[in-house]
């Protein structure tokens, strides 16, 4: 898998975890059952996100920054030739490429980063 794609997927996962910690009830559960302070966990996640953003190439980071304000998910799978960001078909040549996920591809329609599920 392309190194930048791996970073983007990790960032997306961390953003989801951050959003879950921000929910009041979940934060209470984390604090009471697991002895984790949600505010501290959010700060750690933000630090890690900053580190990962610094590892992105300039062009990838620019696209990521544009997408993160508009979308919850910036990295989406392609299943059966369909982008799961906008549910539009991706070009057939890309969908059938043998070396999938070795490059960094984006959807022509919604601009999300794409990864192929076998």
N, C-alpha and C. Protein backbone atom coordinates (compact mmCIF):
# COMPACT_ATOMS: atom_id res chain seq x y z
N UNK A 1 0.85 -1.18 0.00
CA UNK A 1 0.00 0.00 0.00
C UNK A 1 0.90 1.24 0.00
N UNK A 2 0.47 2.25 -0.71
CA UNK A 2 1.20 3.51 -0.81
C UNK A 2 1.37 4.11 0.60
N UNK A 3 2.58 4.59 0.91
CA UNK A 3 2.88 5.10 2.25
C UNK A 3 1.98 6.28 2.63
N UNK A 4 1.72 7.17 1.70
CA UNK A 4 0.86 8.33 2.00
C UNK A 4 -0.57 7.88 2.27
N UNK A 5 -1.02 6.85 1.57
CA UNK A 5 -2.36 6.31 1.78
C UNK A 5 -2.48 5.71 3.18
N UNK A 6 -1.43 5.02 3.63
CA UNK A 6 -1.43 4.46 4.97
C UNK A 6 -1.55 5.56 6.03
N UNK A 7 -0.82 6.65 5.83
CA UNK A 7 -0.88 7.78 6.76
C UNK A 7 -2.29 8.36 6.77
N UNK A 8 -2.86 8.55 5.59
CA UNK A 8 -4.21 9.11 5.49
C UNK A 8 -5.25 8.22 6.19
N UNK A 9 -5.13 6.92 6.03
CA UNK A 9 -6.06 6.00 6.69
C UNK A 9 -5.91 6.07 8.21
N UNK A 10 -4.67 6.16 8.68
CA UNK A 10 -4.45 6.28 10.12
C UNK A 10 -5.03 7.59 10.65
N UNK A 11 -4.85 8.66 9.90
CA UNK A 11 -5.41 9.96 10.31
C UNK A 11 -6.93 9.91 10.36
N UNK A 12 -7.53 9.27 9.37
CA UNK A 12 -8.99 9.17 9.36
C UNK A 12 -9.49 8.39 10.57
N UNK A 13 -8.79 7.32 10.93
CA UNK A 13 -9.16 6.53 12.10
C UNK A 13 -9.04 7.37 13.37
N UNK A 14 -7.97 8.13 13.49
CA UNK A 14 -7.79 8.98 14.67
C UNK A 14 -8.87 10.06 14.76
N UNK A 15 -9.24 10.62 13.62
CA UNK A 15 -10.31 11.63 13.62
C UNK A 15 -11.63 11.03 14.08
N UNK A 16 -11.89 9.79 13.69
CA UNK A 16 -13.12 9.11 14.12
C UNK A 16 -13.09 8.87 15.63
N UNK A 17 -11.93 8.44 16.13
CA UNK A 17 -11.80 8.22 17.56
C UNK A 17 -11.96 9.52 18.34
N UNK A 18 -11.42 10.60 17.80
CA UNK A 18 -11.53 11.91 18.45
C UNK A 18 -13.00 12.33 18.52
N UNK A 19 -13.72 12.14 17.43
CA UNK A 19 -15.14 12.51 17.40
C UNK A 19 -15.92 11.68 18.41
N UNK A 20 -15.59 10.40 18.53
CA UNK A 20 -16.29 9.54 19.50
C UNK A 20 -16.00 9.98 20.93
N UNK A 21 -14.77 10.39 21.22
CA UNK A 21 -14.43 10.85 22.56
C UNK A 21 -15.14 12.15 22.91
N UNK A 22 -15.44 12.94 21.89
CA UNK A 22 -16.11 14.21 22.13
C UNK A 22 -17.57 14.03 22.55
N UNK A 23 -18.14 12.88 22.23
CA UNK A 23 -19.51 12.62 22.64
C UNK A 23 -19.55 12.49 24.16
N UNK A 24 -20.45 13.19 24.78
CA UNK A 24 -20.48 13.29 26.23
C UNK A 24 -20.65 11.94 26.92
N UNK A 25 -21.59 11.12 26.49
CA UNK A 25 -21.83 9.84 27.15
C UNK A 25 -20.65 8.90 27.00
N UNK A 26 -20.05 8.86 25.83
CA UNK A 26 -18.90 8.00 25.62
C UNK A 26 -17.72 8.46 26.48
N UNK A 27 -17.54 9.76 26.58
CA UNK A 27 -16.48 10.29 27.42
C UNK A 27 -16.65 9.88 28.87
N UNK A 28 -17.87 9.85 29.34
CA UNK A 28 -18.15 9.43 30.71
C UNK A 28 -17.81 7.96 30.89
N UNK A 29 -18.19 7.14 29.92
CA UNK A 29 -17.89 5.70 29.98
C UNK A 29 -16.38 5.48 29.97
N UNK A 30 -15.67 6.17 29.09
CA UNK A 30 -14.21 6.03 29.03
C UNK A 30 -13.58 6.39 30.38
N UNK A 31 -14.08 7.46 30.97
CA UNK A 31 -13.52 7.92 32.23
C UNK A 31 -13.82 6.95 33.37
N UNK A 32 -15.05 6.49 33.47
CA UNK A 32 -15.46 5.63 34.58
C UNK A 32 -14.95 4.20 34.45
N UNK A 33 -15.07 3.60 33.29
CA UNK A 33 -14.71 2.20 33.12
C UNK A 33 -13.23 1.95 32.82
N UNK A 34 -12.63 2.86 32.08
CA UNK A 34 -11.27 2.61 31.62
C UNK A 34 -10.24 3.55 32.24
N UNK A 35 -10.68 4.42 33.13
CA UNK A 35 -9.79 5.38 33.79
C UNK A 35 -9.00 6.20 32.77
N UNK A 36 -9.71 6.65 31.74
CA UNK A 36 -9.12 7.49 30.70
C UNK A 36 -9.83 8.83 30.73
N UNK A 37 -9.06 9.88 30.81
CA UNK A 37 -9.66 11.21 30.76
C UNK A 37 -9.86 11.61 29.30
N UNK A 38 -11.10 11.81 28.88
CA UNK A 38 -11.38 12.12 27.47
C UNK A 38 -10.63 13.36 26.97
N UNK A 39 -10.53 14.38 27.79
CA UNK A 39 -9.84 15.60 27.35
C UNK A 39 -8.36 15.34 27.07
N UNK A 40 -7.74 14.53 27.93
CA UNK A 40 -6.34 14.19 27.73
C UNK A 40 -6.17 13.32 26.48
N UNK A 41 -7.09 12.40 26.29
CA UNK A 41 -7.03 11.54 25.11
C UNK A 41 -7.18 12.35 23.83
N UNK A 42 -8.07 13.34 23.85
CA UNK A 42 -8.27 14.20 22.68
C UNK A 42 -6.99 14.97 22.38
N UNK A 43 -6.33 15.47 23.41
CA UNK A 43 -5.06 16.19 23.21
C UNK A 43 -3.99 15.28 22.60
N UNK A 44 -3.92 14.04 23.08
CA UNK A 44 -2.95 13.10 22.52
C UNK A 44 -3.26 12.79 21.06
N UNK A 45 -4.53 12.62 20.77
CA UNK A 45 -4.93 12.36 19.38
C UNK A 45 -4.58 13.54 18.50
N UNK A 46 -4.84 14.77 18.98
CA UNK A 46 -4.50 15.97 18.21
C UNK A 46 -3.00 16.05 17.95
N UNK A 47 -2.19 15.70 18.95
CA UNK A 47 -0.74 15.70 18.76
C UNK A 47 -0.33 14.70 17.69
N UNK A 48 -0.90 13.50 17.76
CA UNK A 48 -0.57 12.46 16.78
C UNK A 48 -1.02 12.88 15.38
N UNK A 49 -2.19 13.50 15.29
CA UNK A 49 -2.67 13.98 13.98
C UNK A 49 -1.70 15.02 13.41
N UNK A 50 -1.20 15.90 14.26
CA UNK A 50 -0.23 16.90 13.82
C UNK A 50 1.05 16.25 13.29
N UNK A 51 1.53 15.23 14.00
CA UNK A 51 2.72 14.50 13.56
C UNK A 51 2.49 13.85 12.20
N UNK A 52 1.33 13.22 12.05
CA UNK A 52 1.03 12.55 10.79
C UNK A 52 0.87 13.54 9.65
N UNK A 53 0.23 14.68 9.91
CA UNK A 53 0.08 15.70 8.88
C UNK A 53 1.43 16.19 8.39
N UNK A 54 2.39 16.31 9.29
CA UNK A 54 3.73 16.74 8.91
C UNK A 54 4.43 15.74 8.00
N UNK A 55 4.02 14.48 8.05
CA UNK A 55 4.63 13.44 7.21
C UNK A 55 4.02 13.38 5.81
N UNK A 56 2.93 14.10 5.59
CA UNK A 56 2.29 14.09 4.27
C UNK A 56 3.07 14.97 3.29
N UNK A 57 3.12 14.54 2.03
CA UNK A 57 3.68 15.38 0.99
C UNK A 57 2.83 16.64 0.86
N UNK A 58 3.42 17.71 0.35
CA UNK A 58 2.73 19.00 0.27
C UNK A 58 1.41 18.92 -0.51
N UNK A 59 1.43 18.30 -1.68
CA UNK A 59 0.21 18.20 -2.49
C UNK A 59 -0.88 17.38 -1.81
N UNK A 60 -0.47 16.30 -1.17
CA UNK A 60 -1.42 15.44 -0.46
C UNK A 60 -2.00 16.21 0.72
N UNK A 61 -1.16 16.91 1.44
CA UNK A 61 -1.64 17.68 2.60
C UNK A 61 -2.60 18.79 2.18
N UNK A 62 -2.31 19.45 1.07
CA UNK A 62 -3.21 20.51 0.58
C UNK A 62 -4.60 19.94 0.27
N UNK A 63 -4.63 18.80 -0.41
CA UNK A 63 -5.92 18.17 -0.73
C UNK A 63 -6.61 17.73 0.56
N UNK A 64 -5.85 17.13 1.47
CA UNK A 64 -6.40 16.70 2.76
C UNK A 64 -7.02 17.88 3.51
N UNK A 65 -6.31 19.00 3.55
CA UNK A 65 -6.82 20.19 4.25
C UNK A 65 -8.12 20.70 3.63
N UNK A 66 -8.20 20.65 2.30
CA UNK A 66 -9.44 21.09 1.63
C UNK A 66 -10.60 20.15 1.94
N UNK A 67 -10.32 18.87 1.98
CA UNK A 67 -11.38 17.88 2.19
C UNK A 67 -11.83 17.82 3.65
N UNK A 68 -10.93 17.99 4.59
CA UNK A 68 -11.29 17.76 5.99
C UNK A 68 -12.33 18.75 6.50
N UNK A 69 -12.43 19.90 5.89
CA UNK A 69 -13.46 20.84 6.29
C UNK A 69 -14.82 20.51 5.71
N UNK A 70 -14.82 19.77 4.61
CA UNK A 70 -16.06 19.50 3.89
C UNK A 70 -16.60 18.09 4.11
N UNK A 71 -15.76 17.17 4.54
CA UNK A 71 -16.16 15.77 4.63
C UNK A 71 -15.71 15.15 5.93
N UNK A 72 -16.48 14.17 6.39
CA UNK A 72 -16.08 13.39 7.55
C UNK A 72 -15.02 12.36 7.16
N UNK A 73 -15.18 11.79 5.98
CA UNK A 73 -14.26 10.76 5.49
C UNK A 73 -13.58 11.27 4.24
N UNK A 74 -12.26 11.36 4.29
CA UNK A 74 -11.50 11.83 3.14
C UNK A 74 -10.87 10.69 2.36
N UNK A 75 -10.82 9.52 2.97
CA UNK A 75 -10.26 8.33 2.33
C UNK A 75 -11.39 7.30 2.30
N UNK A 76 -11.76 6.91 1.09
CA UNK A 76 -12.92 6.02 0.95
C UNK A 76 -12.57 4.82 0.08
N UNK A 77 -13.25 3.71 0.32
CA UNK A 77 -12.98 2.52 -0.51
C UNK A 77 -13.68 2.59 -1.85
N UNK A 78 -13.14 1.82 -2.77
CA UNK A 78 -13.80 1.57 -4.05
C UNK A 78 -14.23 0.11 -4.00
N UNK A 79 -15.52 -0.11 -4.11
CA UNK A 79 -16.07 -1.46 -4.06
C UNK A 79 -16.88 -1.67 -5.33
N UNK A 80 -16.52 -2.68 -6.08
CA UNK A 80 -17.24 -2.96 -7.32
C UNK A 80 -17.18 -1.82 -8.32
N UNK A 81 -16.06 -1.07 -8.31
CA UNK A 81 -15.90 0.03 -9.24
C UNK A 81 -16.63 1.30 -8.84
N UNK A 82 -17.16 1.35 -7.62
CA UNK A 82 -17.91 2.51 -7.13
C UNK A 82 -17.17 3.20 -5.99
N UNK A 83 -17.01 4.50 -6.09
CA UNK A 83 -16.42 5.31 -5.02
C UNK A 83 -17.44 5.42 -3.89
N UNK A 84 -17.04 5.06 -2.67
CA UNK A 84 -17.96 5.13 -1.55
C UNK A 84 -17.94 6.49 -0.85
N UNK A 85 -17.37 7.49 -1.53
CA UNK A 85 -17.47 8.87 -1.06
C UNK A 85 -18.65 9.56 -1.72
N UNK A 86 -18.85 9.25 -3.01
CA UNK A 86 -19.92 9.91 -3.76
C UNK A 86 -20.83 8.91 -4.48
N UNK A 87 -20.49 7.63 -4.43
CA UNK A 87 -21.25 6.55 -5.06
C UNK A 87 -21.36 6.69 -6.57
N UNK A 88 -20.27 7.20 -7.15
CA UNK A 88 -20.15 7.29 -8.60
C UNK A 88 -19.12 6.27 -9.05
N UNK A 89 -19.24 5.82 -10.29
CA UNK A 89 -18.29 4.85 -10.84
C UNK A 89 -16.93 5.52 -11.06
N UNK A 90 -15.87 4.78 -10.75
CA UNK A 90 -14.52 5.26 -11.03
C UNK A 90 -14.13 4.76 -12.40
N UNK A 91 -13.12 5.37 -13.02
CA UNK A 91 -12.71 4.90 -14.34
C UNK A 91 -12.37 3.41 -14.34
N UNK A 92 -12.82 2.72 -15.36
CA UNK A 92 -12.63 1.28 -15.46
C UNK A 92 -11.15 0.91 -15.41
N UNK A 93 -10.30 1.71 -16.03
CA UNK A 93 -8.87 1.42 -16.04
C UNK A 93 -8.32 1.40 -14.62
N UNK A 94 -8.76 2.32 -13.78
CA UNK A 94 -8.28 2.34 -12.40
C UNK A 94 -8.86 1.17 -11.62
N UNK A 95 -10.12 0.90 -11.81
CA UNK A 95 -10.80 -0.16 -11.06
C UNK A 95 -10.20 -1.53 -11.36
N UNK A 96 -9.64 -1.71 -12.56
CA UNK A 96 -9.10 -3.01 -12.92
C UNK A 96 -7.58 -3.07 -12.82
N UNK A 97 -6.94 -2.02 -12.34
CA UNK A 97 -5.48 -1.96 -12.24
C UNK A 97 -4.97 -3.05 -11.30
N UNK A 98 -3.97 -3.78 -11.76
CA UNK A 98 -3.42 -4.88 -10.98
C UNK A 98 -2.70 -4.38 -9.72
N UNK A 99 -2.02 -3.27 -9.81
CA UNK A 99 -1.24 -2.75 -8.69
C UNK A 99 -2.06 -1.72 -7.90
N UNK A 100 -3.25 -2.08 -7.54
CA UNK A 100 -4.12 -1.18 -6.79
C UNK A 100 -3.49 -0.82 -5.46
N UNK A 101 -3.76 0.36 -5.01
CA UNK A 101 -3.30 0.90 -3.73
C UNK A 101 -1.79 1.14 -3.70
N UNK A 102 -1.10 0.95 -4.81
CA UNK A 102 0.33 1.25 -4.85
C UNK A 102 0.57 2.72 -5.22
N UNK A 103 -0.44 3.35 -5.79
CA UNK A 103 -0.38 4.77 -6.10
C UNK A 103 -1.38 5.50 -5.21
N UNK A 104 -1.39 6.79 -5.32
CA UNK A 104 -2.34 7.59 -4.55
C UNK A 104 -3.35 8.16 -5.53
N UNK A 105 -4.55 7.57 -5.54
CA UNK A 105 -5.58 7.96 -6.49
C UNK A 105 -6.68 8.75 -5.79
N UNK A 106 -7.32 9.63 -6.57
CA UNK A 106 -8.44 10.42 -6.04
C UNK A 106 -9.63 10.27 -6.97
N UNK A 107 -10.80 10.43 -6.41
CA UNK A 107 -12.03 10.36 -7.21
C UNK A 107 -12.16 11.62 -8.05
N UNK A 108 -12.44 11.44 -9.33
CA UNK A 108 -12.64 12.58 -10.22
C UNK A 108 -13.88 13.38 -9.86
N UNK A 109 -14.83 12.75 -9.20
CA UNK A 109 -16.09 13.41 -8.87
C UNK A 109 -16.04 14.15 -7.52
N UNK A 110 -15.69 13.45 -6.45
CA UNK A 110 -15.76 14.06 -5.12
C UNK A 110 -14.40 14.49 -4.56
N UNK A 111 -13.31 14.02 -5.17
CA UNK A 111 -11.97 14.42 -4.74
C UNK A 111 -11.40 13.62 -3.59
N UNK A 112 -12.14 12.64 -3.08
CA UNK A 112 -11.64 11.83 -1.96
C UNK A 112 -10.48 10.94 -2.43
N UNK A 113 -9.60 10.64 -1.48
CA UNK A 113 -8.55 9.67 -1.74
C UNK A 113 -9.21 8.29 -1.80
N UNK A 114 -8.74 7.46 -2.71
CA UNK A 114 -9.38 6.16 -2.93
C UNK A 114 -8.44 5.01 -2.58
N UNK A 115 -9.02 3.95 -2.05
CA UNK A 115 -8.29 2.69 -1.92
C UNK A 115 -9.22 1.57 -2.35
N UNK A 116 -8.62 0.55 -2.91
CA UNK A 116 -9.40 -0.53 -3.50
C UNK A 116 -9.52 -1.69 -2.51
N UNK A 117 -10.71 -2.19 -2.35
CA UNK A 117 -10.94 -3.40 -1.56
C UNK A 117 -11.07 -4.56 -2.52
N UNK A 118 -10.34 -5.63 -2.23
CA UNK A 118 -10.43 -6.82 -3.08
C UNK A 118 -11.67 -7.62 -2.75
